[in-house]
């Protein structure tokens, strides 16, 4: 025997759900129909909340596909597209990295680590998001372990993607700005260790949801198994500020340093070769292209995750609409599906490799040809450009 108590916020939460859904069933034999007004609902809830016994409060909500068909259909279509693009694209990135040893030698391990993390989101989490919209919370009533696994896996993969992308950016910043130090520090062993650490740290950042600093739940506004953004304000701020905002700041600083370094080397070389000699002209074109690629990747991450970070930080009281939470989470998941598209459209070498993979053959992409007449500065710029080319 135990007492079932309800806070004022919990009572308001149940009453608000009563307004938007067909019925609320309490303890299996108490129900509040759609015609029940707020005072009657509050009275009924008061009886339940102050009762003693083995009763439990259960709120049965219809799937989004039943309660709002048009919104659910739009969501399913968009998520299905992201799922296909993300799964196929990230598998393609992994295959290209494996088939072409000459492709993107600098930072390849971090790129593969990022692709694996994104594949977990697009290939595993996104289908379960679609299932949650179709089946609703009742589908997971007897599958709590599955719900916990989905929520933990999704958040861990997202954190690992943040860390992998940050480590990739730092890696290239060192290669461009501190090349001598880079050769000593980024060995095969240390790079593999860093990739492993990304997964370990990502899980440790998610682990508090298992021990009370946060939680896993079927979010009724996201319509999916996910971490409970309302369980702890401090943990929500930790995710928003440290785990999303932190990588944004670090990547922003590194990208600025890379662009400035390339720009300076370009100026030096162009002054040495003002007659338009081919290597310098090519270096200039590569500088512009790779700078745009870096900016697009950073901008994509910022656009996808900033809305989510802001929403979870300001809506700990869960007052924003379901539509807001549903689509800012979907936009965040979009980041895991678009990197391959950026690589294809911004890098000719990756595009040729992709065509080779689709043609069922692994093509070895040769590195840039060395010109005997190149000066030391031209070789340095070529090294910088190739190091940040996707």
Protein backbone atom coordinates (compact mmCIF):
# COMPACT_ATOMS: atom_id res chain seq x y z
CA UNK A 1 0.00 0.00 0.00
CA UNK A 2 1.29 3.45 -0.84
CA UNK A 3 -0.05 6.93 -1.33
CA UNK A 4 -0.34 8.31 -4.83
CA UNK A 5 0.38 12.04 -4.65
CA UNK A 6 0.31 14.59 -7.43
CA UNK A 7 1.99 17.96 -7.56
CA UNK A 8 0.12 20.97 -8.84
CA UNK A 9 2.22 20.95 -12.01
CA UNK A 10 1.48 17.27 -12.57
CA UNK A 11 -2.27 17.93 -12.19
CA UNK A 12 -2.12 20.76 -14.69
CA UNK A 13 -0.17 18.53 -17.05
CA UNK A 14 -2.86 15.86 -16.96
CA UNK A 15 -5.65 18.40 -17.40
CA UNK A 16 -3.92 19.96 -20.41
CA UNK A 17 -3.59 16.54 -21.96
CA UNK A 18 -7.30 16.00 -21.37
CA UNK A 19 -8.08 19.02 -23.53
CA UNK A 20 -6.08 17.70 -26.52
CA UNK A 21 -6.89 14.01 -26.43
CA UNK A 22 -10.00 11.84 -26.46
CA UNK A 23 -9.68 10.41 -22.96
CA UNK A 24 -7.50 10.05 -19.90
CA UNK A 25 -7.75 6.73 -18.15
CA UNK A 26 -6.76 6.64 -14.50
CA UNK A 27 -5.98 3.38 -12.70
CA UNK A 28 -7.77 1.39 -15.36
CA UNK A 29 -11.32 2.17 -14.14
CA UNK A 30 -11.40 5.96 -13.77
CA UNK A 31 -11.74 7.98 -16.97
CA UNK A 32 -12.12 11.61 -17.88
CA UNK A 33 -14.00 11.92 -21.16
CA UNK A 34 -13.54 14.61 -23.73
CA UNK A 35 -16.56 16.46 -22.39
CA UNK A 36 -15.20 16.76 -18.86
CA UNK A 37 -14.44 20.36 -17.91
CA UNK A 38 -11.37 21.46 -16.01
CA UNK A 39 -13.07 21.65 -12.59
CA UNK A 40 -14.49 18.15 -12.89
CA UNK A 41 -11.15 16.85 -14.13
CA UNK A 42 -9.37 18.51 -11.22
CA UNK A 43 -11.87 17.03 -8.77
CA UNK A 44 -11.43 13.54 -10.20
CA UNK A 45 -7.69 13.88 -10.19
CA UNK A 46 -7.79 15.10 -6.59
CA UNK A 47 -9.58 11.89 -5.60
CA UNK A 48 -6.95 9.82 -7.36
CA UNK A 49 -4.00 11.82 -6.09
CA UNK A 50 -5.14 11.65 -2.47
CA UNK A 51 -6.19 8.00 -2.56
CA UNK A 52 -4.23 5.10 -1.09
CA UNK A 53 -3.87 1.65 -2.53
CA UNK A 54 -2.14 -0.09 -5.34
CA UNK A 55 -3.52 2.28 -7.93
CA UNK A 56 -1.20 3.97 -10.44
CA UNK A 57 -1.78 6.87 -12.76
CA UNK A 58 -1.67 5.98 -16.47
CA UNK A 59 -2.23 8.46 -19.26
CA UNK A 60 -3.13 6.87 -22.57
CA UNK A 61 -2.47 9.11 -25.55
CA UNK A 62 -3.30 8.31 -29.16
CA UNK A 63 -0.48 8.15 -31.74
CA UNK A 64 0.16 11.35 -33.65
CA UNK A 65 -0.94 9.58 -36.83
CA UNK A 66 -4.44 9.25 -35.32
CA UNK A 67 -4.70 12.62 -33.56
CA UNK A 68 -3.19 14.78 -36.34
CA UNK A 69 -2.93 12.85 -39.58
CA UNK A 70 -1.67 15.65 -41.84
CA UNK A 71 1.13 16.67 -39.43
CA UNK A 72 2.11 13.06 -38.86
CA UNK A 73 2.19 12.37 -42.60
CA UNK A 74 4.45 15.38 -43.22
CA UNK A 75 6.77 14.27 -40.43
CA UNK A 76 6.90 10.67 -41.67
CA UNK A 77 7.74 11.75 -45.23
CA UNK A 78 10.51 14.13 -44.12
CA UNK A 79 12.01 11.67 -41.65
CA UNK A 80 11.90 8.87 -44.23
CA UNK A 81 13.87 11.03 -46.67
CA UNK A 82 16.42 11.86 -43.96
CA UNK A 83 16.66 8.21 -42.95
CA UNK A 84 17.41 7.06 -46.51
CA UNK A 85 19.85 9.91 -47.22
CA UNK A 86 21.63 9.51 -43.90
CA UNK A 87 21.92 5.72 -44.05
CA UNK A 88 23.07 5.58 -47.66
CA UNK A 89 25.28 8.68 -47.40
CA UNK A 90 27.17 7.64 -44.29
CA UNK A 91 27.70 4.10 -45.57
CA UNK A 92 29.09 5.68 -48.75
CA UNK A 93 31.49 7.84 -46.73
CA UNK A 94 32.78 4.78 -44.86
CA UNK A 95 33.17 2.79 -48.09
CA UNK A 96 35.04 5.59 -49.86
CA UNK A 97 37.39 5.98 -46.90
CA UNK A 98 38.06 2.24 -46.94
CA UNK A 99 38.51 1.89 -50.72
CA UNK A 100 40.61 4.98 -51.40
CA UNK A 101 43.71 5.10 -49.24
CA UNK A 102 44.75 8.40 -50.78
CA UNK A 103 41.44 10.09 -49.99
CA UNK A 104 41.57 12.65 -47.20
CA UNK A 105 44.47 11.06 -45.32
CA UNK A 106 44.46 13.91 -42.83
CA UNK A 107 41.62 13.37 -40.39
CA UNK A 108 40.22 10.27 -42.13
CA UNK A 109 39.74 8.43 -38.84
CA UNK A 110 37.69 11.29 -37.41
CA UNK A 111 35.61 11.47 -40.59
CA UNK A 112 34.83 7.75 -40.35
CA UNK A 113 34.05 8.09 -36.65
CA UNK A 114 31.64 10.91 -37.47
CA UNK A 115 30.02 8.83 -40.22
CA UNK A 116 29.51 5.88 -37.85
CA UNK A 117 27.87 8.12 -35.24
CA UNK A 118 25.65 9.73 -37.88
CA UNK A 119 24.75 6.28 -39.20
CA UNK A 120 23.50 5.29 -35.74
CA UNK A 121 21.20 8.31 -35.73
CA UNK A 122 19.96 8.03 -39.32
CA UNK A 123 19.83 4.25 -39.57
CA UNK A 124 18.58 3.33 -36.09
CA UNK A 125 17.10 6.32 -34.28
CA UNK A 126 15.21 7.88 -37.22
CA UNK A 127 13.19 4.69 -37.98
CA UNK A 128 12.17 4.51 -34.32
CA UNK A 129 11.05 8.15 -34.50
CA UNK A 130 8.78 7.21 -37.38
CA UNK A 131 7.51 4.19 -35.43
CA UNK A 132 6.73 6.40 -32.42
CA UNK A 133 4.60 8.72 -34.55
CA UNK A 134 2.71 5.77 -36.06
CA UNK A 135 2.29 3.57 -32.98
CA UNK A 136 2.42 6.04 -30.09
CA UNK A 137 3.44 5.54 -26.46
CA UNK A 138 1.31 2.42 -25.97
CA UNK A 139 3.61 0.48 -28.31
CA UNK A 140 6.44 0.85 -25.78
CA UNK A 141 4.36 0.02 -22.67
CA UNK A 142 5.74 -3.53 -22.57
CA UNK A 143 9.03 -2.60 -24.26
CA UNK A 144 10.63 -0.30 -21.70
CA UNK A 145 14.11 -1.74 -22.25
CA UNK A 146 13.83 -1.01 -25.97
CA UNK A 147 12.74 2.56 -25.25
CA UNK A 148 15.67 3.08 -22.87
CA UNK A 149 18.08 1.62 -25.43
CA UNK A 150 16.80 3.85 -28.25
CA UNK A 151 16.98 6.99 -26.12
CA UNK A 152 20.47 6.18 -24.80
CA UNK A 153 21.84 5.14 -28.20
CA UNK A 154 20.49 8.24 -29.95
CA UNK A 155 21.87 10.70 -27.40
CA UNK A 156 25.24 8.91 -27.20
CA UNK A 157 25.56 8.90 -31.01
CA UNK A 158 24.68 12.60 -31.19
CA UNK A 159 27.27 13.46 -28.52
CA UNK A 160 29.87 11.34 -30.33
CA UNK A 161 29.08 13.15 -33.59
CA UNK A 162 29.64 16.50 -31.83
CA UNK A 163 32.98 15.34 -30.45
CA UNK A 164 34.13 13.68 -33.70
CA UNK A 165 33.37 16.77 -35.76
CA UNK A 166 35.14 18.93 -33.20
CA UNK A 167 38.18 16.63 -33.16
CA UNK A 168 38.24 16.63 -36.98
CA UNK A 169 38.24 20.43 -37.02
CA UNK A 170 40.98 20.61 -34.37
CA UNK A 171 42.98 18.02 -36.31
CA UNK A 172 42.90 20.10 -39.47
CA UNK A 173 43.62 23.29 -37.57
CA UNK A 174 46.82 21.72 -36.21
CA UNK A 175 47.74 20.43 -39.66
CA UNK A 176 47.35 23.86 -41.22
CA UNK A 177 48.70 26.08 -38.45
CA UNK A 178 51.15 23.80 -36.61
CA UNK A 179 52.23 21.22 -39.15
CA UNK A 180 55.51 20.31 -37.44
CA UNK A 181 53.76 19.52 -34.18
CA UNK A 182 51.01 17.69 -36.05
CA UNK A 183 53.37 15.07 -37.49
CA UNK A 184 54.56 14.14 -33.99
CA UNK A 185 51.21 14.17 -32.23
CA UNK A 186 48.71 12.65 -34.67
CA UNK A 187 50.00 9.11 -35.12
CA UNK A 188 47.87 6.09 -36.03
CA UNK A 189 47.74 5.01 -32.38
CA UNK A 190 46.87 8.40 -30.89
CA UNK A 191 44.24 9.06 -33.56
CA UNK A 192 42.55 5.71 -32.92
CA UNK A 193 42.67 6.39 -29.20
CA UNK A 194 41.01 9.78 -29.69
CA UNK A 195 38.21 8.21 -31.70
CA UNK A 196 37.61 5.65 -28.96
CA UNK A 197 37.63 8.39 -26.32
CA UNK A 198 34.92 10.24 -28.27
CA UNK A 199 32.56 7.27 -27.79
CA UNK A 200 33.51 6.79 -24.13
CA UNK A 201 33.03 10.47 -23.26
CA UNK A 202 29.77 10.56 -25.24
CA UNK A 203 28.36 7.65 -23.21
CA UNK A 204 29.57 9.15 -19.93
CA UNK A 205 27.74 12.38 -20.81
CA UNK A 206 24.58 10.34 -21.47
CA UNK A 207 24.95 8.04 -18.46
CA UNK A 208 23.43 10.53 -15.94
CA UNK A 209 20.05 9.69 -17.45
CA UNK A 210 20.41 6.21 -15.91
CA UNK A 211 21.23 7.43 -12.39
CA UNK A 212 18.75 10.22 -11.73
CA UNK A 213 20.38 13.32 -13.21
CA UNK A 214 17.97 13.23 -16.11
CA UNK A 215 15.92 10.30 -17.39
CA UNK A 216 14.73 8.41 -20.45
CA UNK A 217 11.10 8.63 -21.52
CA UNK A 218 8.64 8.54 -24.39
CA UNK A 219 8.33 12.27 -24.99
CA UNK A 220 4.70 13.08 -25.77
CA UNK A 221 5.67 16.20 -27.75
CA UNK A 222 8.51 14.61 -29.69
CA UNK A 223 6.55 11.36 -30.06
CA UNK A 224 9.67 9.27 -29.61
CA UNK A 225 11.82 7.57 -27.01
CA UNK A 226 14.35 10.19 -25.98
CA UNK A 227 16.03 11.67 -22.92
CA UNK A 228 13.65 13.51 -20.58
CA UNK A 229 14.37 17.20 -21.18
CA UNK A 230 12.07 18.20 -18.27
CA UNK A 231 13.61 15.93 -15.63
CA UNK A 232 16.49 18.22 -14.63
CA UNK A 233 17.12 21.86 -15.46
CA UNK A 234 20.83 21.51 -14.68
CA UNK A 235 21.24 18.54 -17.02
CA UNK A 236 19.28 20.27 -19.79
CA UNK A 237 21.56 23.31 -19.46
CA UNK A 238 24.59 21.00 -19.46
CA UNK A 239 23.46 19.50 -22.77
CA UNK A 240 22.54 22.86 -24.27
CA UNK A 241 25.54 24.94 -23.18
CA UNK A 242 28.39 22.45 -22.77
CA UNK A 243 27.67 19.61 -25.19
CA UNK A 244 26.19 21.68 -28.04
CA UNK A 245 27.42 25.21 -27.42
CA UNK A 246 30.96 24.10 -26.50
CA UNK A 247 31.69 22.33 -29.82
CA UNK A 248 30.19 25.28 -31.71
CA UNK A 249 32.62 27.70 -30.07
CA UNK A 250 35.66 25.44 -30.56
CA UNK A 251 34.84 24.73 -34.21
CA UNK A 252 34.19 28.39 -34.87
CA UNK A 253 37.59 29.40 -33.50
CA UNK A 254 39.40 26.64 -35.40
CA UNK A 255 37.68 27.45 -38.69
CA UNK A 256 38.57 31.13 -38.35
CA UNK A 257 42.22 30.23 -37.75
CA UNK A 258 42.26 27.88 -40.76
CA UNK A 259 40.75 30.49 -43.07
CA UNK A 260 43.17 33.18 -41.89
CA UNK A 261 46.16 30.87 -42.32
CA UNK A 262 45.12 29.88 -45.84
CA UNK A 263 44.46 33.48 -46.75
CA UNK A 264 47.91 34.54 -45.57
CA UNK A 265 49.65 31.77 -47.50
CA UNK A 266 47.61 32.60 -50.58
CA UNK A 267 48.70 36.24 -50.39
CA UNK A 268 52.37 35.29 -50.07
CA UNK A 269 52.28 32.90 -52.99
CA UNK A 270 50.24 35.16 -55.23
CA UNK A 271 52.74 37.94 -54.67
CA UNK A 272 55.58 35.59 -55.64
CA UNK A 273 53.78 34.46 -58.77
CA UNK A 274 51.77 37.44 -59.98
CA UNK A 275 52.04 36.39 -63.63
CA UNK A 276 49.27 33.82 -63.15
CA UNK A 277 51.44 30.70 -63.19
CA UNK A 278 49.23 27.60 -63.05
CA UNK A 279 50.15 26.20 -59.61
CA UNK A 280 49.36 29.51 -57.90
CA UNK A 281 46.10 29.94 -59.77
CA UNK A 282 45.09 26.41 -58.91
CA UNK A 283 46.03 27.00 -55.27
CA UNK A 284 43.87 30.11 -55.19
CA UNK A 285 40.85 28.25 -56.61
CA UNK A 286 41.35 25.39 -54.16
CA UNK A 287 41.63 27.86 -51.29
CA UNK A 288 38.30 29.45 -52.12
CA UNK A 289 36.57 26.09 -52.61
CA UNK A 290 37.84 24.43 -49.45
CA UNK A 291 37.12 27.52 -47.38
CA UNK A 292 33.54 27.41 -48.61
CA UNK A 293 33.29 23.71 -47.72
CA UNK A 294 34.50 24.33 -44.18
CA UNK A 295 32.10 27.21 -43.77
CA UNK A 296 29.16 25.12 -45.05
CA UNK A 297 29.90 22.25 -42.67
CA UNK A 298 30.20 24.57 -39.68
CA UNK A 299 27.10 26.54 -40.68
CA UNK A 300 25.09 23.34 -41.13
CA UNK A 301 25.96 22.17 -37.64
CA UNK A 302 25.07 25.55 -36.18
CA UNK A 303 21.75 25.78 -38.05
CA UNK A 304 20.67 22.25 -37.14
CA UNK A 305 21.54 22.22 -33.45
CA UNK A 306 21.20 25.81 -32.23
CA UNK A 307 17.35 25.80 -32.32
CA UNK A 308 17.29 22.55 -30.34
CA UNK A 309 19.80 23.84 -27.79
CA UNK A 310 17.76 27.01 -27.26
CA UNK A 311 14.42 25.20 -26.96
CA UNK A 312 15.56 22.64 -24.37
CA UNK A 313 17.20 25.40 -22.33
CA UNK A 314 14.19 27.75 -22.20
CA UNK A 315 11.36 25.21 -22.05
CA UNK A 316 12.13 23.16 -18.98
CA UNK A 317 8.49 23.77 -17.97
CA UNK A 318 7.32 22.11 -21.19
CA UNK A 319 5.11 25.02 -22.26
CA UNK A 320 6.03 25.26 -25.94
CA UNK A 321 3.79 23.54 -28.45
CA UNK A 322 4.16 19.99 -29.66
CA UNK A 323 4.90 21.22 -33.18
CA UNK A 324 7.90 23.23 -31.96
CA UNK A 325 9.48 20.30 -30.12
CA UNK A 326 8.68 17.82 -32.88
CA UNK A 327 10.34 19.80 -35.64
CA UNK A 328 13.34 21.26 -33.80
CA UNK A 329 14.29 17.68 -32.90
CA UNK A 330 13.82 16.62 -36.52
CA UNK A 331 15.99 19.53 -37.69
CA UNK A 332 18.69 18.45 -35.23
CA UNK A 333 18.58 14.91 -36.68
CA UNK A 334 18.94 16.43 -40.15
CA UNK A 335 22.61 17.12 -39.45
CA UNK A 336 23.35 13.38 -39.49
CA UNK A 337 21.98 13.02 -43.03
CA UNK A 338 23.51 15.90 -45.00
CA UNK A 339 27.30 15.65 -44.66
CA UNK A 340 27.60 13.27 -47.61
CA UNK A 341 25.63 15.67 -49.83
CA UNK A 342 28.00 18.50 -48.90
CA UNK A 343 31.02 16.35 -49.75
CA UNK A 344 29.57 15.35 -53.13
CA UNK A 345 28.69 18.87 -54.24
CA UNK A 346 31.79 20.60 -52.86
CA UNK A 347 34.59 18.15 -53.63
CA UNK A 348 35.38 16.67 -57.01
CA UNK A 349 37.64 13.97 -55.57
CA UNK A 350 34.88 12.67 -53.30
CA UNK A 351 32.41 12.84 -56.20
CA UNK A 352 34.68 10.74 -58.42
CA UNK A 353 35.16 8.25 -55.59
CA UNK A 354 31.40 8.01 -55.07
CA UNK A 355 30.86 7.30 -58.76
CA UNK A 356 33.54 4.63 -58.56
CA UNK A 357 31.80 2.98 -55.57
CA UNK A 358 28.41 3.08 -57.29
CA UNK A 359 30.06 1.53 -60.33
CA UNK A 360 31.16 -1.38 -58.10
CA UNK A 361 34.85 -0.59 -58.28
CA UNK A 362 37.28 1.02 -55.86
CA UNK A 363 39.26 3.71 -57.61
CA UNK A 364 42.53 4.87 -56.20
CA UNK A 365 42.62 8.66 -56.31
CA UNK A 366 46.07 10.02 -56.93
CA UNK A 367 47.34 12.93 -54.95
CA UNK A 368 48.21 16.23 -56.56
CA UNK A 369 51.13 16.18 -58.98
CA UNK A 370 54.33 17.76 -57.77
CA UNK A 371 55.79 20.59 -59.87
CA UNK A 372 59.55 20.93 -59.77
CA UNK A 373 59.27 24.68 -60.22
CA UNK A 374 57.06 25.15 -57.17
CA UNK A 375 58.52 27.25 -54.41
CA UNK A 376 58.45 26.20 -50.75
CA UNK A 377 55.49 28.50 -50.17
CA UNK A 378 53.55 26.90 -53.05
CA UNK A 379 54.16 23.42 -51.68
CA UNK A 380 53.05 24.57 -48.25
CA UNK A 381 49.83 25.99 -49.61
CA UNK A 382 49.19 22.82 -51.60
CA UNK A 383 49.65 20.82 -48.41
CA UNK A 384 47.23 23.09 -46.55
CA UNK A 385 44.61 22.95 -49.28
CA UNK A 386 44.74 19.17 -49.62
CA UNK A 387 44.59 18.72 -45.86
CA UNK A 388 41.24 20.43 -45.55
CA UNK A 389 39.73 19.12 -48.79
CA UNK A 390 36.92 16.71 -48.15
